[in-house]
Structure formats: structure tokens, C-alpha cells
């Protein structure tokens, strides 16, 4: 399951939600109970989504991310199970994510507004907009946990540490309590987040370093530090000049690591990894070690459980031995 770094594409077109709430003529919602009821029951950090609360959910994504999962009990019963799993995983993150469960049988207008071609489908919303490419297809529970871990690391690396307040499961079932709660920032990352928000990358690196020094097991802080260092190394760099220098001298470790950093910022994670693995394969001694250490830093930025990292570690081992 691959993910692109969070970005800020265009806002969601809500024109499809301007019709009156409720089912179109001739379309009836499926009977309650069963998998659908289990999937949409709501919990501390999940709630069923309808035309009335969709705008509020977008507003809730202004500081902390919302994960929308589109499913259909009628068309794909297994997608309702995935929706329930998304809610389960969201609850495990204590407010880092809010899961919005969208049954397209009951809310076709939302599916139309989001241009959903199939179910199940995941969207990650931040600042009221899709923050990643849509993620189609069935995802198993453990794969969802890996996915949420990746998303959490990317958020921390970009200084995004807001949290949703818990919601009442009973209120969610009743369609109440859907108002956006004021997200609360994780105080551990406040200083680093403030620094990134102010464009002070050097201070962000220093703040993340303090967190890692204080708790080496803090995976989110380690990912934040690694990505902040990427930002630090690429400040003021001319992209075209950097790529030209790397192309002119494939064995120049400094030139290759710089382009690898730029690839990371552009979301070309595999390209960054493969570039440095090739450098490791071609070089020796100090140059090889420098490329290897740099690559390990990029692994930390992406997350050691990411399938791309796991694959790249195997390729790195082959290049070394």
C-alpha cells in the first residue's frame, strides 16, 4: 500500500449535495441491522456520514485529518466490513484521525460529489480537501493499520499534529453530535509544528531532535526529524541545476543524495530509494557508507513498516553483499 505525501489539491465540489436530503425517488435504503448497522454505528472517532453532516466533517478536517471510507452493503457486502475496520483503526489513534463512514446506498449524492467510481474507496481529507490520491479496493485490517501508521508519520513530518476530541457513539448513531470538535494539538510536537508553520526549518530540526533524544522509541518524532532534515537540506536548491549535476556525474554522492531528497519531497519515494541503492552498488568505502546512511535516513522519514522501505532494504542488502 503506497502513499504519496500530503498535499493541498483543489477543494471538493459540493454541488451534488445541493439537492434536498434523502433518497432519490424510487430508491430505498437497505434494511437496518447486519453488517451495515455494525459498520455505521459510530464510535469515539468515527461516525456515519450523510448530506446533513458532510460539510461539518469537512470543517473537522481543517486541523486534523478525516478518513472517508465509501462502501455499499448492497453492491459489495465485504466493503461494509472494511468500513467497520477503518472505524476500529481510527479509534486506536485516540483522535489523530476521524473516520467518516459513507454508505453510498443511503447517500448517493455524496458519492456523486466525490466522483466515486467503485467501492470500497478511501479518501484522506485535510483542510477540507483530499490530501492524497484516492485509495481503491479492499484493504485488510492489518494493512489498514500499516496505512494509518504511514499517514501518521507523514503528518508528523509535516508538523500536522492536531487531534479530534472523542465523540459519543450513541450520539453518532442518532445523527447528533456531528458538529466539528476543536482539534487539540499534541503538546509533544507543538514546538516543532510551530517552527514548521513559521518556515523555520532549522528550529524544527532542533525541536524534533530534542524529542528523539528524550525518547528514541518515539517513531513519529523520528519520522518528523528525518523529513525535517530533508526540508533543511533542500532549502533554496535549484531543482533543474541539481538534476543536471547528478546526471553529469552519477558517482558524485553529494549530487545524488540531493536529488534523492528532492525526489522525496516530490512524492517519488521509489525513485529516491533506487537512486541511492544504485550509488551504493557503484561506489565503495566512504562514498558507499555515506550513500547508505543517507538512504537509512530516508527510510526513517517514510516509516520502517512501509512496503516500499521493506523492498528497498532487500535491494540495499543485495547491493552491499
Protein backbone atom coordinates (compact mmCIF):
# COMPACT_ATOMS: atom_id res chain seq x y z
CA UNK A 1 0.00 0.00 0.00
CA UNK A 2 1.80 3.07 -1.24
CA UNK A 3 1.06 6.62 -0.22
CA UNK A 4 2.01 10.00 -1.57
CA UNK A 5 2.98 12.76 0.84
CA UNK A 6 0.14 15.02 1.90
CA UNK A 7 -0.60 17.86 -0.50
CA UNK A 8 -3.28 20.50 -0.94
CA UNK A 9 -5.20 19.86 -4.18
CA UNK A 10 -8.44 21.63 -5.03
CA UNK A 11 -11.48 21.79 -2.82
CA UNK A 12 -14.26 19.22 -3.03
CA UNK A 13 -17.13 20.07 -5.38
CA UNK A 14 -20.24 20.01 -3.20
CA UNK A 15 -22.67 20.86 -5.99
CA UNK A 16 -24.01 17.32 -5.86
CA UNK A 17 -25.18 17.89 -2.29
CA UNK A 18 -27.46 20.82 -3.08
CA UNK A 19 -30.44 18.60 -3.61
CA UNK A 20 -32.77 18.08 -0.64
CA UNK A 21 -31.66 15.48 1.84
CA UNK A 22 -32.98 11.96 1.48
CA UNK A 23 -33.21 9.23 -1.10
CA UNK A 24 -33.90 9.91 -4.79
CA UNK A 25 -37.34 8.81 -5.97
CA UNK A 26 -37.59 5.09 -6.39
CA UNK A 27 -34.53 4.32 -4.27
CA UNK A 28 -34.98 2.96 -0.78
CA UNK A 29 -32.26 2.49 1.83
CA UNK A 30 -31.39 -1.07 2.75
CA UNK A 31 -32.99 -2.53 5.82
CA UNK A 32 -31.17 -1.86 9.06
CA UNK A 33 -29.13 -4.34 11.03
CA UNK A 34 -26.43 -6.75 9.94
CA UNK A 35 -23.09 -5.60 8.56
CA UNK A 36 -24.37 -2.17 7.56
CA UNK A 37 -25.52 -1.33 11.06
CA UNK A 38 -22.28 -2.59 12.52
CA UNK A 39 -20.24 -0.57 10.07
CA UNK A 40 -22.11 2.69 10.54
CA UNK A 41 -22.84 2.61 14.24
CA UNK A 42 -20.24 5.23 15.05
CA UNK A 43 -17.69 5.25 17.86
CA UNK A 44 -15.41 7.63 19.71
CA UNK A 45 -13.62 8.60 16.50
CA UNK A 46 -15.97 7.50 13.72
CA UNK A 47 -19.43 8.45 12.55
CA UNK A 48 -21.85 7.69 9.72
CA UNK A 49 -21.91 10.44 7.10
CA UNK A 50 -24.99 11.90 5.42
CA UNK A 51 -25.83 15.04 3.47
CA UNK A 52 -26.54 16.93 6.69
CA UNK A 53 -23.19 16.40 8.40
CA UNK A 54 -20.84 16.12 5.41
CA UNK A 55 -19.97 19.82 5.40
CA UNK A 56 -19.31 19.66 9.13
CA UNK A 57 -16.98 16.72 8.55
CA UNK A 58 -15.03 18.77 6.00
CA UNK A 59 -14.70 21.52 8.57
CA UNK A 60 -13.43 19.00 11.12
CA UNK A 61 -10.57 18.21 8.73
CA UNK A 62 -9.20 21.75 8.93
CA UNK A 63 -6.70 20.79 11.64
CA UNK A 64 -6.84 17.01 11.99
CA UNK A 65 -7.35 14.55 9.13
CA UNK A 66 -10.60 12.80 8.28
CA UNK A 67 -10.55 9.40 6.58
CA UNK A 68 -13.64 8.84 4.43
CA UNK A 69 -14.49 5.26 3.51
CA UNK A 70 -17.16 4.69 0.86
CA UNK A 71 -18.92 1.32 0.96
CA UNK A 72 -22.10 -0.43 -0.15
CA UNK A 73 -23.79 -3.25 1.69
CA UNK A 74 -25.91 -3.97 -1.38
CA UNK A 75 -23.20 -3.87 -4.04
CA UNK A 76 -20.21 -5.16 -2.07
CA UNK A 77 -21.04 -6.59 1.36
CA UNK A 78 -17.36 -7.07 2.17
CA UNK A 79 -16.87 -3.31 1.87
CA UNK A 80 -19.07 -2.83 4.95
CA UNK A 81 -16.63 -4.98 6.90
CA UNK A 82 -13.78 -2.79 5.70
CA UNK A 83 -15.69 0.31 6.81
CA UNK A 84 -16.03 -1.20 10.27
CA UNK A 85 -12.28 -1.95 10.28
CA UNK A 86 -11.47 1.65 9.32
CA UNK A 87 -13.50 2.81 12.32
CA UNK A 88 -11.65 0.34 14.55
CA UNK A 89 -8.23 1.57 13.45
CA UNK A 90 -9.23 5.23 13.73
CA UNK A 91 -10.23 4.61 17.35
CA UNK A 92 -6.78 3.17 18.05
CA UNK A 93 -5.19 6.56 17.27
CA UNK A 94 -7.04 8.47 20.02
CA UNK A 95 -8.17 11.35 17.84
CA UNK A 96 -5.36 11.56 15.34
CA UNK A 97 -7.92 10.56 12.71
CA UNK A 98 -11.70 10.79 12.44
CA UNK A 99 -13.34 8.13 10.27
CA UNK A 100 -16.34 9.11 8.17
CA UNK A 101 -18.36 6.09 7.01
CA UNK A 102 -20.30 6.73 3.80
CA UNK A 103 -22.89 4.18 2.71
CA UNK A 104 -23.43 5.06 -0.95
CA UNK A 105 -26.75 3.18 -0.96
CA UNK A 106 -28.15 5.70 1.53
CA UNK A 107 -26.14 8.78 0.45
CA UNK A 108 -25.69 8.66 -3.34
CA UNK A 109 -25.31 12.45 -3.55
CA UNK A 110 -22.05 12.34 -1.57
CA UNK A 111 -20.67 9.59 -3.80
CA UNK A 112 -21.62 11.70 -6.82
CA UNK A 113 -19.96 14.82 -5.41
CA UNK A 114 -16.76 12.87 -4.70
CA UNK A 115 -16.95 11.08 -8.09
CA UNK A 116 -16.65 7.61 -6.57
CA UNK A 117 -16.20 5.05 -9.38
CA UNK A 118 -16.22 1.96 -7.15
CA UNK A 119 -16.44 0.72 -3.59
CA UNK A 120 -14.72 0.42 -1.29
CA UNK A 121 -12.78 3.65 -1.67
CA UNK A 122 -10.76 5.66 0.85
CA UNK A 123 -10.13 9.39 0.86
CA UNK A 124 -7.95 11.28 3.32
CA UNK A 125 -9.18 14.83 3.88
CA UNK A 126 -7.17 17.68 5.35
CA UNK A 127 -8.03 21.38 5.28
CA UNK A 128 -11.36 20.45 3.72
CA UNK A 129 -9.71 18.88 0.66
CA UNK A 130 -8.44 15.48 -0.44
CA UNK A 131 -4.87 15.28 0.85
CA UNK A 132 -3.81 12.12 -1.04
CA UNK A 133 -4.88 10.25 -4.12
CA UNK A 134 -8.00 8.11 -3.53
CA UNK A 135 -7.22 4.58 -2.36
CA UNK A 136 -9.44 1.97 -4.07
CA UNK A 137 -10.11 -1.65 -3.23
CA UNK A 138 -10.45 -3.87 -0.20
CA UNK A 139 -7.82 -3.40 2.49
CA UNK A 140 -7.44 -5.91 5.32
CA UNK A 141 -7.37 -4.84 8.95
CA UNK A 142 -3.61 -5.21 9.42
CA UNK A 143 -2.95 -3.44 6.12
CA UNK A 144 -5.17 -0.60 7.33
CA UNK A 145 -3.07 -0.37 10.48
CA UNK A 146 0.07 -0.10 8.35
CA UNK A 147 -1.60 2.53 6.17
CA UNK A 148 -2.69 4.64 9.14
CA UNK A 149 0.81 4.37 10.59
CA UNK A 150 2.28 5.70 7.34
CA UNK A 151 -0.22 8.55 7.26
CA UNK A 152 0.56 9.43 10.87
CA UNK A 153 4.28 9.56 10.19
CA UNK A 154 3.77 11.77 7.13
CA UNK A 155 1.56 14.12 9.12
CA UNK A 156 4.10 14.43 11.91
CA UNK A 157 6.89 15.05 9.42
CA UNK A 158 4.91 18.00 8.07
CA UNK A 159 4.17 19.37 11.54
CA UNK A 160 0.49 18.40 11.47
CA UNK A 161 -0.31 17.11 14.95
CA UNK A 162 -3.89 18.18 15.67
CA UNK A 163 -6.34 15.72 17.20
CA UNK A 164 -10.11 15.33 17.23
CA UNK A 165 -11.95 15.17 20.51
CA UNK A 166 -13.82 11.90 21.19
CA UNK A 167 -17.43 11.67 20.09
CA UNK A 168 -20.28 9.79 21.73
CA UNK A 169 -21.07 6.58 19.89
CA UNK A 170 -24.73 6.88 20.88
CA UNK A 171 -24.89 10.43 19.54
CA UNK A 172 -23.31 9.35 16.30
CA UNK A 173 -25.94 6.64 15.83
CA UNK A 174 -28.68 9.20 16.38
CA UNK A 175 -27.10 11.61 13.94
CA UNK A 176 -26.36 14.05 16.75
CA UNK A 177 -23.09 15.40 17.97
CA UNK A 178 -21.79 15.71 14.43
CA UNK A 179 -20.53 19.23 14.98
CA UNK A 180 -16.84 19.68 14.41
CA UNK A 181 -14.92 19.49 17.64
CA UNK A 182 -11.97 21.77 18.14
CA UNK A 183 -8.94 19.55 17.49
CA UNK A 184 -6.39 19.56 20.23
CA UNK A 185 -2.72 19.66 19.36
CA UNK A 186 -0.40 17.02 20.69
CA UNK A 187 1.84 19.06 23.01
CA UNK A 188 4.84 16.86 22.30
CA UNK A 189 5.12 18.24 18.78
CA UNK A 190 3.88 21.79 19.35
CA UNK A 191 7.27 23.47 19.22
CA UNK A 192 8.33 21.64 16.05
CA UNK A 193 4.94 22.25 14.45
CA UNK A 194 5.13 25.96 15.24
CA UNK A 195 8.61 26.14 13.73
CA UNK A 196 7.48 24.48 10.51
CA UNK A 197 4.45 26.74 10.37
CA UNK A 198 6.75 29.75 10.60
CA UNK A 199 9.07 28.38 7.94
CA UNK A 200 11.92 27.93 10.43
CA UNK A 201 13.14 24.52 9.33
CA UNK A 202 16.36 24.69 11.35
CA UNK A 203 14.41 25.21 14.57
CA UNK A 204 12.04 22.39 13.61
CA UNK A 205 15.01 20.05 13.20
CA UNK A 206 16.31 21.09 16.63
CA UNK A 207 12.93 20.54 18.28
CA UNK A 208 12.42 17.13 16.71
CA UNK A 209 15.99 16.21 17.73
CA UNK A 210 15.13 17.01 21.35
CA UNK A 211 12.16 14.67 21.17
CA UNK A 212 14.19 11.85 19.66
CA UNK A 213 16.99 12.34 22.20
CA UNK A 214 14.45 12.23 25.01
CA UNK A 215 12.63 9.17 23.66
CA UNK A 216 14.38 7.22 20.89
CA UNK A 217 11.29 4.97 20.64
CA UNK A 218 9.07 7.87 19.52
CA UNK A 219 8.52 6.75 15.92
CA UNK A 220 6.53 9.84 14.97
CA UNK A 221 9.24 12.17 16.26
CA UNK A 222 11.90 10.18 14.40
CA UNK A 223 9.89 10.42 11.17
CA UNK A 224 9.38 14.13 11.76
CA UNK A 225 13.08 14.65 12.32
CA UNK A 226 14.02 12.73 9.20
CA UNK A 227 11.62 14.68 6.99
CA UNK A 228 12.56 17.99 8.57
CA UNK A 229 16.18 17.23 7.69
CA UNK A 230 15.12 16.60 4.09
CA UNK A 231 13.48 20.04 4.09
CA UNK A 232 16.59 21.53 5.66
CA UNK A 233 18.95 20.03 3.07
CA UNK A 234 16.84 21.19 0.13
CA UNK A 235 16.25 24.80 1.19
CA UNK A 236 16.98 27.16 -1.70
CA UNK A 237 18.03 24.37 -4.05
CA UNK A 238 17.51 24.84 -7.78
CA UNK A 239 15.78 21.64 -8.89
CA UNK A 240 16.93 21.75 -12.51
CA UNK A 241 20.52 22.55 -11.59
CA UNK A 242 20.58 19.74 -9.03
CA UNK A 243 19.28 17.19 -11.52
CA UNK A 244 21.74 18.35 -14.18
CA UNK A 245 24.66 17.97 -11.75
CA UNK A 246 23.55 14.47 -10.77
CA UNK A 247 23.16 13.42 -14.39
CA UNK A 248 26.62 14.76 -15.25
CA UNK A 249 28.35 12.74 -12.50
CA UNK A 250 26.48 9.59 -11.43
CA UNK A 251 29.16 8.78 -8.83
CA UNK A 252 29.02 12.17 -7.08
CA UNK A 253 27.43 11.12 -3.80
CA UNK A 254 26.53 14.65 -2.73
CA UNK A 255 24.76 15.32 -6.03
CA UNK A 256 22.89 12.02 -5.92
CA UNK A 257 21.74 12.36 -2.32
CA UNK A 258 20.47 15.87 -3.01
CA UNK A 259 18.34 14.68 -5.92
CA UNK A 260 17.10 11.78 -3.78
CA UNK A 261 15.91 14.35 -1.21
CA UNK A 262 14.16 16.30 -3.95
CA UNK A 263 12.51 13.10 -5.17
CA UNK A 264 11.24 12.51 -1.64
CA UNK A 265 9.70 15.97 -1.47
CA UNK A 266 8.06 15.40 -4.83
CA UNK A 267 6.50 12.13 -3.67
CA UNK A 268 8.78 9.94 -5.83
CA UNK A 269 9.79 7.68 -2.97
CA UNK A 270 10.82 4.65 -5.01
CA UNK A 271 12.94 6.85 -7.29
CA UNK A 272 14.76 8.28 -4.28
CA UNK A 273 15.44 4.83 -2.86
CA UNK A 274 16.55 3.31 -6.16
CA UNK A 275 18.88 6.21 -6.90
CA UNK A 276 20.78 5.74 -3.66
CA UNK A 277 20.82 1.95 -3.93
CA UNK A 278 22.46 2.34 -7.33
CA UNK A 279 25.05 4.66 -5.77
CA UNK A 280 25.76 2.07 -3.08
CA UNK A 281 26.16 -0.57 -5.76
CA UNK A 282 28.63 1.53 -7.78
CA UNK A 283 30.76 3.01 -5.00
CA UNK A 284 32.90 1.77 -2.13
CA UNK A 285 34.35 2.73 1.24
CA UNK A 286 33.41 6.24 2.48
CA UNK A 287 31.22 7.10 -0.50
CA UNK A 288 29.27 3.88 -0.17
CA UNK A 289 28.77 4.39 3.54
CA UNK A 290 27.63 7.99 3.03
CA UNK A 291 25.02 6.89 0.48
CA UNK A 292 23.88 4.05 2.75
CA UNK A 293 23.49 6.31 5.79
CA UNK A 294 21.55 8.83 3.76
CA UNK A 295 19.25 6.11 2.50
CA UNK A 296 18.60 4.89 6.04
CA UNK A 297 17.56 8.43 6.92
CA UNK A 298 15.03 8.42 4.10
CA UNK A 299 13.73 5.05 5.31
CA UNK A 300 13.03 6.67 8.68
CA UNK A 301 11.15 9.52 7.01
CA UNK A 302 8.84 7.10 5.21
CA UNK A 303 8.49 4.55 8.03
CA UNK A 304 10.14 1.18 8.51
CA UNK A 305 6.87 -0.72 8.07
CA UNK A 306 6.18 0.83 4.67
CA UNK A 307 6.27 -1.86 1.93
CA UNK A 308 8.50 0.39 -0.18
CA UNK A 309 11.02 0.54 2.64
CA UNK A 310 10.89 -3.21 3.18
CA UNK A 311 11.51 -3.81 -0.52
CA UNK A 312 14.30 -1.22 -0.64
CA UNK A 313 16.01 -2.76 2.39
CA UNK A 314 16.20 -6.06 0.50
CA UNK A 315 17.63 -4.29 -2.55
CA UNK A 316 20.13 -2.46 -0.36
CA UNK A 317 21.29 -5.74 1.14
CA UNK A 318 21.81 -7.15 -2.35
CA UNK A 319 23.79 -4.05 -3.35
CA UNK A 320 26.02 -4.31 -0.28
CA UNK A 321 26.69 -8.02 -0.49
